Amino acid sequence: MPYARHHKEQTRRRIVGAAAQLFNRKGFEAVTIGEIMTQAGLTHGGFYRHFRGKDQLYAEAVRHFLRQEARPRWQKGPKDGRRPDQPLARLVLDAYLSRDHMEDIGGSCPLIALSSDVARASDTVKAAYREVAEAMVHVFRAQLKGRAARENAMVLVALCIGGMVVARALDDKDLGNEFLDLSRKHALRTTGWAR
């Protein structure tokens, strides 16, 4: 008896979620299909019922970040939510350059963990990566004013990603935290969201 469509969609989401965490932690090349399926609690043989290959799964794993049902702790922001006068982009900036995000390798934004892999990946994967980057630019752009709003939004995205990449790569936690703090401070001062 074939599985119901709902079951197949749930299984596919489990595979994508497992893959997203593993790719973030280990990179594309180091992760095997067998490892992904084990992490998802499934057998290796079922993989090809859902995906043509690892590359297609990789693209889905990158997009997964945009449509997660259960957000990682670092994305939820303060318990009391944002102030009415605080722009959404400020909340995103604070969450992105947080210590919680730095420590959540598996649930991290794929723009940080996968940049080097994506540069060597297929056009399908690069398109998925672009979608995530454009979504982040859009959030910042919506809160900025003036003719240079898109340019400034793009710089903020680069500052967020770059600040986190450097902070995570260092063997000195204090220096890493300083990179995060200064990236956030500079971004807030540049945007006027520092209030």
N, C-alpha and C. Protein backbone atom coordinates (compact mmCIF):
# COMPACT_ATOMS: atom_id res chain seq x y z
N MET A 1 0.84 -1.18 0.00
CA MET A 1 0.00 0.00 0.00
C MET A 1 0.89 1.24 0.00
N PRO A 2 0.71 2.16 -0.94
CA PRO A 2 1.56 3.36 -1.00
C PRO A 2 1.26 4.31 0.15
N TYR A 3 2.30 5.05 0.52
CA TYR A 3 2.15 6.04 1.59
C TYR A 3 1.27 7.20 1.13
N ALA A 4 0.58 7.79 2.07
CA ALA A 4 -0.22 8.98 1.77
C ALA A 4 0.71 10.14 1.43
N ARG A 5 0.20 11.07 0.63
CA ARG A 5 0.99 12.25 0.22
C ARG A 5 1.52 12.99 1.44
N HIS A 6 0.71 13.12 2.47
CA HIS A 6 1.12 13.81 3.70
C HIS A 6 2.35 13.16 4.31
N HIS A 7 2.38 11.82 4.33
CA HIS A 7 3.53 11.09 4.88
C HIS A 7 4.79 11.36 4.06
N LYS A 8 4.65 11.37 2.75
CA LYS A 8 5.81 11.62 1.88
C LYS A 8 6.36 13.03 2.10
N GLU A 9 5.49 14.02 2.25
CA GLU A 9 5.93 15.39 2.51
C GLU A 9 6.64 15.50 3.86
N GLN A 10 6.10 14.83 4.88
CA GLN A 10 6.74 14.84 6.20
C GLN A 10 8.13 14.20 6.13
N THR A 11 8.21 13.11 5.43
CA THR A 11 9.50 12.41 5.30
C THR A 11 10.50 13.31 4.58
N ARG A 12 10.07 13.95 3.51
CA ARG A 12 10.95 14.86 2.76
C ARG A 12 11.45 15.99 3.67
N ARG A 13 10.55 16.56 4.48
CA ARG A 13 10.96 17.63 5.41
C ARG A 13 11.97 17.13 6.44
N ARG A 14 11.79 15.91 6.91
CA ARG A 14 12.78 15.33 7.85
C ARG A 14 14.15 15.22 7.20
N ILE A 15 14.17 14.77 5.96
CA ILE A 15 15.44 14.62 5.25
C ILE A 15 16.10 15.99 5.06
N VAL A 16 15.33 16.97 4.62
CA VAL A 16 15.86 18.32 4.39
C VAL A 16 16.37 18.92 5.69
N GLY A 17 15.62 18.78 6.78
CA GLY A 17 16.05 19.32 8.07
C GLY A 17 17.34 18.68 8.55
N ALA A 18 17.43 17.37 8.41
CA ALA A 18 18.66 16.66 8.81
C ALA A 18 19.83 17.11 7.94
N ALA A 19 19.59 17.23 6.65
CA ALA A 19 20.65 17.65 5.73
C ALA A 19 21.12 19.07 6.03
N ALA A 20 20.18 19.96 6.31
CA ALA A 20 20.56 21.35 6.60
C ALA A 20 21.49 21.41 7.80
N GLN A 21 21.18 20.67 8.85
CA GLN A 21 22.04 20.67 10.04
C GLN A 21 23.41 20.08 9.73
N LEU A 22 23.42 18.95 9.04
CA LEU A 22 24.71 18.31 8.73
C LEU A 22 25.56 19.14 7.78
N PHE A 23 24.94 19.72 6.75
CA PHE A 23 25.71 20.56 5.83
C PHE A 23 26.29 21.76 6.57
N ASN A 24 25.53 22.37 7.46
CA ASN A 24 26.04 23.50 8.23
C ASN A 24 27.22 23.08 9.10
N ARG A 25 27.13 21.92 9.71
CA ARG A 25 28.19 21.47 10.62
C ARG A 25 29.44 21.00 9.89
N LYS A 26 29.25 20.29 8.76
CA LYS A 26 30.38 19.59 8.15
C LYS A 26 30.73 20.02 6.73
N GLY A 27 29.80 20.71 6.06
CA GLY A 27 30.04 21.07 4.67
C GLY A 27 29.51 20.00 3.73
N PHE A 28 29.33 20.37 2.48
CA PHE A 28 28.72 19.51 1.47
C PHE A 28 29.50 18.23 1.23
N GLU A 29 30.78 18.35 0.98
CA GLU A 29 31.60 17.19 0.62
C GLU A 29 31.71 16.16 1.73
N ALA A 30 31.76 16.59 2.97
CA ALA A 30 31.98 15.67 4.09
C ALA A 30 30.74 14.89 4.49
N VAL A 31 29.57 15.30 4.01
CA VAL A 31 28.32 14.65 4.41
C VAL A 31 27.90 13.63 3.35
N THR A 32 27.56 12.43 3.79
CA THR A 32 27.10 11.40 2.86
C THR A 32 25.57 11.29 2.91
N ILE A 33 25.03 10.74 1.85
CA ILE A 33 23.58 10.52 1.81
C ILE A 33 23.18 9.56 2.94
N GLY A 34 23.98 8.54 3.16
CA GLY A 34 23.69 7.60 4.25
C GLY A 34 23.63 8.29 5.61
N GLU A 35 24.56 9.19 5.83
CA GLU A 35 24.59 9.94 7.09
C GLU A 35 23.34 10.82 7.25
N ILE A 36 22.93 11.45 6.17
CA ILE A 36 21.72 12.29 6.19
C ILE A 36 20.50 11.45 6.53
N MET A 37 20.38 10.31 5.86
CA MET A 37 19.22 9.46 6.09
C MET A 37 19.22 8.88 7.51
N THR A 38 20.37 8.55 8.03
CA THR A 38 20.46 8.07 9.41
C THR A 38 20.03 9.17 10.37
N GLN A 39 20.51 10.39 10.15
CA GLN A 39 20.14 11.54 10.99
C GLN A 39 18.62 11.77 10.95
N ALA A 40 18.02 11.52 9.79
CA ALA A 40 16.57 11.69 9.63
C ALA A 40 15.79 10.50 10.17
N GLY A 41 16.49 9.44 10.58
CA GLY A 41 15.82 8.25 11.10
C GLY A 41 15.24 7.37 10.00
N LEU A 42 15.88 7.39 8.83
CA LEU A 42 15.37 6.66 7.66
C LEU A 42 16.48 5.78 7.08
N THR A 43 16.10 4.89 6.17
CA THR A 43 17.10 4.05 5.52
C THR A 43 17.63 4.75 4.27
N HIS A 44 18.84 4.40 3.92
CA HIS A 44 19.53 4.99 2.78
C HIS A 44 18.73 4.81 1.49
N GLY A 45 18.09 3.68 1.32
CA GLY A 45 17.39 3.36 0.08
C GLY A 45 16.24 4.30 -0.27
N GLY A 46 15.65 4.94 0.71
CA GLY A 46 14.52 5.82 0.45
C GLY A 46 14.89 7.18 -0.10
N PHE A 47 16.15 7.51 -0.11
CA PHE A 47 16.59 8.84 -0.52
C PHE A 47 16.09 9.21 -1.92
N TYR A 48 16.26 8.30 -2.87
CA TYR A 48 15.98 8.62 -4.28
C TYR A 48 14.48 8.66 -4.59
N ARG A 49 13.64 8.33 -3.63
CA ARG A 49 12.21 8.54 -3.81
C ARG A 49 11.85 10.01 -3.61
N HIS A 50 12.79 10.76 -3.03
CA HIS A 50 12.53 12.16 -2.70
C HIS A 50 13.40 13.14 -3.48
N PHE A 51 14.61 12.72 -3.86
CA PHE A 51 15.57 13.62 -4.50
C PHE A 51 16.30 12.91 -5.63
N ARG A 52 16.64 13.68 -6.67
CA ARG A 52 17.41 13.13 -7.79
C ARG A 52 18.85 12.88 -7.39
N GLY A 53 19.36 13.70 -6.48
CA GLY A 53 20.74 13.55 -6.05
C GLY A 53 21.05 14.48 -4.89
N LYS A 54 22.26 14.39 -4.43
CA LYS A 54 22.70 15.17 -3.28
C LYS A 54 22.66 16.67 -3.57
N ASP A 55 22.93 17.05 -4.81
CA ASP A 55 22.92 18.46 -5.19
C ASP A 55 21.53 19.08 -5.04
N GLN A 56 20.51 18.34 -5.46
CA GLN A 56 19.14 18.84 -5.32
C GLN A 56 18.79 18.99 -3.84
N LEU A 57 19.19 18.02 -3.03
CA LEU A 57 18.95 18.11 -1.58
C LEU A 57 19.68 19.30 -0.99
N TYR A 58 20.89 19.54 -1.45
CA TYR A 58 21.68 20.67 -0.95
C TYR A 58 20.95 21.99 -1.19
N ALA A 59 20.39 22.16 -2.39
CA ALA A 59 19.64 23.38 -2.69
C ALA A 59 18.42 23.50 -1.78
N GLU A 60 17.73 22.40 -1.56
CA GLU A 60 16.57 22.42 -0.65
C GLU A 60 16.99 22.74 0.78
N ALA A 61 18.13 22.22 1.20
CA ALA A 61 18.62 22.48 2.56
C ALA A 61 18.94 23.97 2.74
N VAL A 62 19.48 24.61 1.71
CA VAL A 62 19.76 26.04 1.79
C VAL A 62 18.45 26.82 1.91
N ARG A 63 17.46 26.47 1.10
CA ARG A 63 16.15 27.15 1.15
C ARG A 63 15.41 26.87 2.45
N HIS A 64 15.70 25.76 3.07
CA HIS A 64 15.04 25.34 4.32
C HIS A 64 15.07 26.46 5.36
N PHE A 65 16.14 27.20 5.38
CA PHE A 65 16.30 28.28 6.36
C PHE A 65 15.17 29.30 6.26
N LEU A 66 14.67 29.55 5.06
CA LEU A 66 13.62 30.55 4.86
C LEU A 66 12.24 30.08 5.31
N ARG A 67 12.05 28.78 5.37
CA ARG A 67 10.69 28.30 5.66
C ARG A 67 10.62 27.33 6.83
N GLN A 68 11.55 27.42 7.74
CA GLN A 68 11.51 26.57 8.92
C GLN A 68 10.25 26.85 9.73
N GLU A 69 9.61 25.77 10.16
CA GLU A 69 8.44 25.95 11.03
C GLU A 69 8.89 26.28 12.45
N ALA A 70 9.88 25.56 12.94
CA ALA A 70 10.39 25.79 14.30
C ALA A 70 11.68 26.58 14.19
N ARG A 71 11.64 27.82 14.58
CA ARG A 71 12.80 28.69 14.49
C ARG A 71 13.82 28.36 15.58
N PRO A 72 15.11 28.44 15.24
CA PRO A 72 16.14 28.26 16.27
C PRO A 72 16.00 29.35 17.34
N ARG A 73 16.50 29.05 18.52
CA ARG A 73 16.40 29.97 19.66
C ARG A 73 16.94 31.36 19.32
N TRP A 74 18.03 31.43 18.58
CA TRP A 74 18.65 32.72 18.29
C TRP A 74 17.78 33.59 17.40
N GLN A 75 16.83 33.02 16.66
CA GLN A 75 15.95 33.82 15.79
C GLN A 75 14.72 34.36 16.51
N LYS A 76 14.44 33.87 17.69
CA LYS A 76 13.19 34.25 18.36
C LYS A 76 13.25 35.61 19.01
N GLY A 77 14.42 36.11 19.30
CA GLY A 77 14.54 37.43 19.91
C GLY A 77 14.17 37.41 21.38
N PRO A 78 14.11 38.58 21.99
CA PRO A 78 13.80 38.64 23.41
C PRO A 78 12.39 38.11 23.68
N LYS A 79 12.21 37.57 24.88
CA LYS A 79 10.94 36.97 25.25
C LYS A 79 9.76 37.94 25.13
N ASP A 80 10.00 39.20 25.43
CA ASP A 80 8.90 40.16 25.39
C ASP A 80 8.68 40.73 23.98
N GLY A 81 9.40 40.21 23.00
CA GLY A 81 9.22 40.69 21.62
C GLY A 81 9.88 42.04 21.41
N ARG A 82 9.71 42.56 20.23
CA ARG A 82 10.33 43.86 19.94
C ARG A 82 9.39 44.99 20.34
N ARG A 83 10.01 46.11 20.62
CA ARG A 83 9.23 47.31 20.94
C ARG A 83 8.48 47.77 19.70
N PRO A 84 7.34 48.44 19.88
CA PRO A 84 6.56 48.89 18.71
C PRO A 84 7.36 49.82 17.80
N ASP A 85 8.28 50.59 18.36
CA ASP A 85 9.05 51.53 17.54
C ASP A 85 10.33 50.91 16.97
N GLN A 86 10.58 49.65 17.30
CA GLN A 86 11.80 49.00 16.84
C GLN A 86 11.56 48.30 15.50
N PRO A 87 12.36 48.62 14.50
CA PRO A 87 12.15 47.99 13.19
C PRO A 87 12.47 46.49 13.23
N LEU A 88 11.76 45.72 12.41
CA LEU A 88 12.01 44.29 12.29
C LEU A 88 13.48 44.04 11.92
N ALA A 89 14.01 44.87 11.07
CA ALA A 89 15.40 44.70 10.64
C ALA A 89 16.36 44.78 11.83
N ARG A 90 16.04 45.58 12.82
CA ARG A 90 16.88 45.67 14.03
C ARG A 90 16.84 44.34 14.78
N LEU A 91 15.68 43.75 14.89
CA LEU A 91 15.54 42.45 15.54
C LEU A 91 16.35 41.39 14.79
N VAL A 92 16.29 41.42 13.46
CA VAL A 92 17.05 40.49 12.63
C VAL A 92 18.55 40.69 12.85
N LEU A 93 18.97 41.93 12.84
CA LEU A 93 20.39 42.25 13.04
C LEU A 93 20.87 41.76 14.40
N ASP A 94 20.10 42.05 15.44
CA ASP A 94 20.48 41.62 16.80
C ASP A 94 20.57 40.10 16.89
N ALA A 95 19.60 39.40 16.29
CA ALA A 95 19.60 37.94 16.34
C ALA A 95 20.77 37.37 15.53
N TYR A 96 21.00 37.94 14.36
CA TYR A 96 22.03 37.41 13.47
C TYR A 96 23.42 37.52 14.10
N LEU A 97 23.69 38.64 14.73
CA LEU A 97 25.00 38.86 15.32
C LEU A 97 25.01 38.54 16.82
N SER A 98 24.23 37.55 17.21
CA SER A 98 24.15 37.16 18.62
C SER A 98 25.10 35.99 18.92
N ARG A 99 25.41 35.84 20.18
CA ARG A 99 26.22 34.72 20.61
C ARG A 99 25.46 33.40 20.45
N ASP A 100 24.14 33.44 20.64
CA ASP A 100 23.34 32.23 20.42
C ASP A 100 23.48 31.75 18.98
N HIS A 101 23.45 32.67 18.02
CA HIS A 101 23.61 32.28 16.62
C HIS A 101 25.02 31.75 16.38
N MET A 102 26.01 32.37 16.97
CA MET A 102 27.38 31.93 16.78
C MET A 102 27.55 30.48 17.27
N GLU A 103 26.87 30.13 18.35
CA GLU A 103 27.02 28.80 18.93
C GLU A 103 26.13 27.75 18.26
N ASP A 104 25.12 28.16 17.52
CA ASP A 104 24.20 27.22 16.88
C ASP A 104 24.67 26.89 15.47
N ILE A 105 25.69 26.08 15.37
CA ILE A 105 26.27 25.75 14.07
C ILE A 105 25.24 25.01 13.20
N GLY A 106 24.58 24.01 13.74
CA GLY A 106 23.64 23.22 12.96
C GLY A 106 22.42 24.00 12.48
N GLY A 107 21.93 24.92 13.31
CA GLY A 107 20.74 25.69 12.96
C GLY A 107 21.05 27.05 12.38
N SER A 108 22.28 27.24 12.04
CA SER A 108 22.77 28.53 11.55
C SER A 108 22.23 28.90 10.18
N CYS A 109 22.33 30.17 9.88
CA CYS A 109 21.99 30.64 8.54
C CYS A 109 22.97 30.04 7.54
N PRO A 110 22.47 29.48 6.43
CA PRO A 110 23.37 28.87 5.45
C PRO A 110 24.29 29.87 4.75
N LEU A 111 23.98 31.14 4.82
CA LEU A 111 24.85 32.14 4.21
C LEU A 111 26.21 32.17 4.89
N ILE A 112 26.26 31.76 6.14
CA ILE A 112 27.52 31.74 6.89
C ILE A 112 28.27 30.44 6.65
N ALA A 113 27.64 29.35 6.97
CA ALA A 113 28.32 28.07 6.99
C ALA A 113 28.65 27.52 5.61
N LEU A 114 27.88 27.88 4.62
CA LEU A 114 28.01 27.21 3.33
C LEU A 114 28.61 28.05 2.21
N SER A 115 29.06 29.25 2.50
CA SER A 115 29.55 30.14 1.45
C SER A 115 30.62 29.52 0.58
N SER A 116 31.62 28.94 1.17
CA SER A 116 32.71 28.35 0.38
C SER A 116 32.22 27.18 -0.45
N ASP A 117 31.36 26.33 0.14
CA ASP A 117 30.81 25.20 -0.60
C ASP A 117 29.98 25.68 -1.79
N VAL A 118 29.13 26.67 -1.55
CA VAL A 118 28.23 27.15 -2.59
C VAL A 118 29.01 27.74 -3.76
N ALA A 119 30.11 28.39 -3.48
CA ALA A 119 30.92 28.99 -4.55
C ALA A 119 31.39 27.92 -5.54
N ARG A 120 31.51 26.68 -5.07
CA ARG A 120 31.96 25.58 -5.94
C ARG A 120 30.81 24.67 -6.39
N ALA A 121 29.58 25.03 -6.03
CA ALA A 121 28.42 24.18 -6.29
C ALA A 121 27.77 24.49 -7.64
N SER A 122 26.72 23.77 -7.92
CA SER A 122 25.98 23.93 -9.18
C SER A 122 25.16 25.21 -9.17
N ASP A 123 24.66 25.56 -10.34
CA ASP A 123 23.79 26.73 -10.46
C ASP A 123 22.52 26.57 -9.63
N THR A 124 22.03 25.35 -9.48
CA THR A 124 20.83 25.09 -8.68
C THR A 124 21.07 25.50 -7.23
N VAL A 125 22.20 25.13 -6.70
CA VAL A 125 22.55 25.46 -5.32
C VAL A 125 22.80 26.96 -5.19
N LYS A 126 23.50 27.54 -6.16
CA LYS A 126 23.76 28.98 -6.12
C LYS A 126 22.46 29.79 -6.17
N ALA A 127 21.47 29.31 -6.92
CA ALA A 127 20.18 29.99 -6.98
C ALA A 127 19.49 29.95 -5.62
N ALA A 128 19.57 28.83 -4.92
CA ALA A 128 18.97 28.73 -3.59
C ALA A 128 19.67 29.67 -2.62
N TYR A 129 20.97 29.73 -2.69
CA TYR A 129 21.76 30.63 -1.83
C TYR A 129 21.38 32.09 -2.10
N ARG A 130 21.22 32.42 -3.38
CA ARG A 130 20.81 33.77 -3.75
C ARG A 130 19.46 34.13 -3.16
N GLU A 131 18.52 33.18 -3.17
CA GLU A 131 17.19 33.43 -2.60
C GLU A 131 17.28 33.82 -1.13
N VAL A 132 18.12 33.12 -0.38
CA VAL A 132 18.28 33.44 1.04
C VAL A 132 18.93 34.81 1.21
N ALA A 133 19.96 35.09 0.42
CA ALA A 133 20.63 36.40 0.50
C ALA A 133 19.67 37.53 0.13
N GLU A 134 18.89 37.34 -0.92
CA GLU A 134 17.93 38.38 -1.33
C GLU A 134 16.85 38.59 -0.27
N ALA A 135 16.43 37.52 0.40
CA ALA A 135 15.43 37.67 1.46
C ALA A 135 15.97 38.52 2.59
N MET A 136 17.23 38.32 2.92
CA MET A 136 17.85 39.11 3.98
C MET A 136 18.01 40.58 3.54
N VAL A 137 18.42 40.79 2.32
CA VAL A 137 18.53 42.16 1.78
C VAL A 137 17.16 42.84 1.83
N HIS A 138 16.12 42.11 1.47
CA HIS A 138 14.76 42.66 1.47
C HIS A 138 14.33 43.12 2.87
N VAL A 139 14.63 42.31 3.88
CA VAL A 139 14.26 42.69 5.26
C VAL A 139 14.94 44.00 5.64
N PHE A 140 16.22 44.11 5.36
CA PHE A 140 16.94 45.35 5.71
C PHE A 140 16.48 46.51 4.83
N ARG A 141 16.31 46.26 3.54
CA ARG A 141 15.92 47.33 2.61
C ARG A 141 14.58 47.95 3.00
N ALA A 142 13.67 47.15 3.51
CA ALA A 142 12.34 47.64 3.88
C ALA A 142 12.40 48.66 5.02
N GLN A 143 13.48 48.67 5.77
CA GLN A 143 13.60 49.57 6.93
C GLN A 143 14.52 50.76 6.68
N LEU A 144 15.13 50.79 5.52
CA LEU A 144 16.06 51.87 5.21
C LEU A 144 15.42 52.87 4.26
N LYS A 145 15.90 54.09 4.30
CA LYS A 145 15.33 55.15 3.46
C LYS A 145 16.40 55.68 2.50
N GLY A 146 15.93 56.33 1.47
CA GLY A 146 16.84 57.01 0.55
C GLY A 146 17.22 56.18 -0.65
N ARG A 147 17.93 56.85 -1.56
CA ARG A 147 18.31 56.21 -2.83
C ARG A 147 19.33 55.09 -2.62
N ALA A 148 20.08 55.17 -1.55
CA ALA A 148 21.11 54.15 -1.30
C ALA A 148 20.60 53.02 -0.40
N ALA A 149 19.30 52.90 -0.22
CA ALA A 149 18.75 51.91 0.71
C ALA A 149 19.16 50.48 0.33
N ARG A 150 19.04 50.14 -0.95
CA ARG A 150 19.42 48.78 -1.37
C ARG A 150 20.91 48.54 -1.16
N GLU A 151 21.71 49.52 -1.53
CA GLU A 151 23.16 49.41 -1.34
C GLU A 151 23.49 49.22 0.15
N ASN A 152 22.88 50.02 1.00
CA ASN A 152 23.14 49.90 2.43
C ASN A 152 22.64 48.57 2.98
N ALA A 153 21.52 48.07 2.47
CA ALA A 153 21.02 46.77 2.89
C ALA A 153 22.00 45.66 2.52
N MET A 154 22.57 45.77 1.34
CA MET A 154 23.54 44.77 0.90
C MET A 154 24.81 44.81 1.77
N VAL A 155 25.23 46.00 2.13
CA VAL A 155 26.39 46.14 3.01
C VAL A 155 26.09 45.53 4.38
N LEU A 156 24.87 45.74 4.89
CA LEU A 156 24.49 45.14 6.17
C LEU A 156 24.53 43.62 6.11
N VAL A 157 24.04 43.06 5.02
CA VAL A 157 24.08 41.61 4.87
C VAL A 157 25.53 41.13 4.88
N ALA A 158 26.39 41.80 4.12
CA ALA A 158 27.81 41.43 4.09
C ALA A 158 28.45 41.57 5.46
N LEU A 159 28.10 42.62 6.19
CA LEU A 159 28.65 42.83 7.54
C LEU A 159 28.20 41.73 8.49
N CYS A 160 26.93 41.36 8.41
CA CYS A 160 26.42 40.29 9.28
C CYS A 160 27.11 38.96 8.99
N ILE A 161 27.15 38.60 7.71
CA ILE A 161 27.75 37.32 7.33
C ILE A 161 29.24 37.32 7.65
N GLY A 162 29.93 38.36 7.22
CA GLY A 162 31.37 38.43 7.45
C GLY A 162 31.73 38.47 8.92
N GLY A 163 30.99 39.24 9.70
CA GLY A 163 31.25 39.31 11.13
C GLY A 163 31.11 37.96 11.79
N MET A 164 30.08 37.22 11.41
CA MET A 164 29.86 35.90 12.00
C MET A 164 30.89 34.89 11.52
N VAL A 165 31.25 34.93 10.25
CA VAL A 165 32.25 34.00 9.72
C VAL A 165 33.57 34.18 10.47
N VAL A 166 34.02 35.42 10.62
CA VAL A 166 35.28 35.67 11.31
C VAL A 166 35.18 35.28 12.79
N ALA A 167 34.09 35.64 13.44
CA ALA A 167 33.92 35.31 14.86
C ALA A 167 33.97 33.81 15.11
N ARG A 168 33.35 33.04 14.24
CA ARG A 168 33.35 31.59 14.41
C ARG A 168 34.70 30.96 14.09
N ALA A 169 35.45 31.56 13.20
CA ALA A 169 36.70 30.96 12.74
C ALA A 169 37.85 31.15 13.73
N LEU A 170 37.70 32.05 14.66
CA LEU A 170 38.80 32.35 15.58
C LEU A 170 38.89 31.34 16.72
N ASP A 171 40.10 31.10 17.17
CA ASP A 171 40.30 30.21 18.32
C ASP A 171 40.26 30.97 19.64
N ASP A 172 40.03 32.26 19.58
CA ASP A 172 39.95 33.12 20.76
C ASP A 172 38.50 33.61 20.90
N LYS A 173 37.78 33.03 21.87
CA LYS A 173 36.36 33.35 22.03
C LYS A 173 36.13 34.84 22.32
N ASP A 174 37.00 35.44 23.13
CA ASP A 174 36.85 36.86 23.44
C ASP A 174 37.00 37.73 22.19
N LEU A 175 37.97 37.40 21.36
CA LEU A 175 38.16 38.14 20.12
C LEU A 175 36.96 37.92 19.19
N GLY A 176 36.45 36.70 19.14
CA GLY A 176 35.27 36.42 18.33
C GLY A 176 34.08 37.24 18.79
N ASN A 177 33.87 37.31 20.10
CA ASN A 177 32.78 38.12 20.64
C ASN A 177 32.97 39.60 20.32
N GLU A 178 34.22 40.04 20.33
CA GLU A 178 34.50 41.43 19.99
C GLU A 178 34.14 41.72 18.53
N PHE A 179 34.45 40.78 17.63
CA PHE A 179 34.05 40.94 16.23
C PHE A 179 32.53 41.04 16.11
N LEU A 180 31.80 40.19 16.83
CA LEU A 180 30.34 40.25 16.80
C LEU A 180 29.83 41.59 17.31
N ASP A 181 30.34 41.99 18.48
CA ASP A 181 29.87 43.24 19.11
C ASP A 181 30.16 44.46 18.23
N LEU A 182 31.36 44.50 17.66
CA LEU A 182 31.71 45.66 16.84
C LEU A 182 30.96 45.67 15.50
N SER A 183 30.72 44.49 14.95
CA SER A 183 29.93 44.42 13.72
C SER A 183 28.52 44.95 13.99
N ARG A 184 27.93 44.50 15.08
CA ARG A 184 26.59 44.95 15.46
C ARG A 184 26.57 46.44 15.74
N LYS A 185 27.54 46.92 16.51
CA LYS A 185 27.62 48.33 16.87
C LYS A 185 27.73 49.20 15.61
N HIS A 186 28.60 48.81 14.69
CA HIS A 186 28.79 49.58 13.47
C HIS A 186 27.51 49.57 12.62
N ALA A 187 26.88 48.41 12.51
CA ALA A 187 25.65 48.32 11.73
C ALA A 187 24.55 49.20 12.32
N LEU A 188 24.41 49.18 13.63
CA LEU A 188 23.37 49.99 14.29
C LEU A 188 23.65 51.48 14.13
N ARG A 189 24.91 51.84 14.25
CA ARG A 189 25.26 53.27 14.10
C ARG A 189 25.02 53.72 12.67
N THR A 190 25.36 52.89 11.71
CA THR A 190 25.19 53.23 10.29
C THR A 190 23.72 53.40 9.93
N THR A 191 22.86 52.59 10.50
CA THR A 191 21.45 52.60 10.14
C THR A 191 20.61 53.57 10.97
N GLY A 192 21.14 53.97 12.12
CA GLY A 192 20.36 54.81 13.02
C GLY A 192 19.38 54.01 13.87
N TRP A 193 19.54 52.68 13.94
CA TRP A 193 18.65 51.83 14.74
C TRP A 193 19.16 51.66 16.16
N ALA A 194 20.16 52.41 16.55
CA ALA A 194 20.82 52.19 17.84
C ALA A 194 19.99 52.58 19.06
N ARG A 195 18.91 53.26 18.91
CA ARG A 195 18.13 53.73 20.06
C ARG A 195 17.85 52.65 21.07
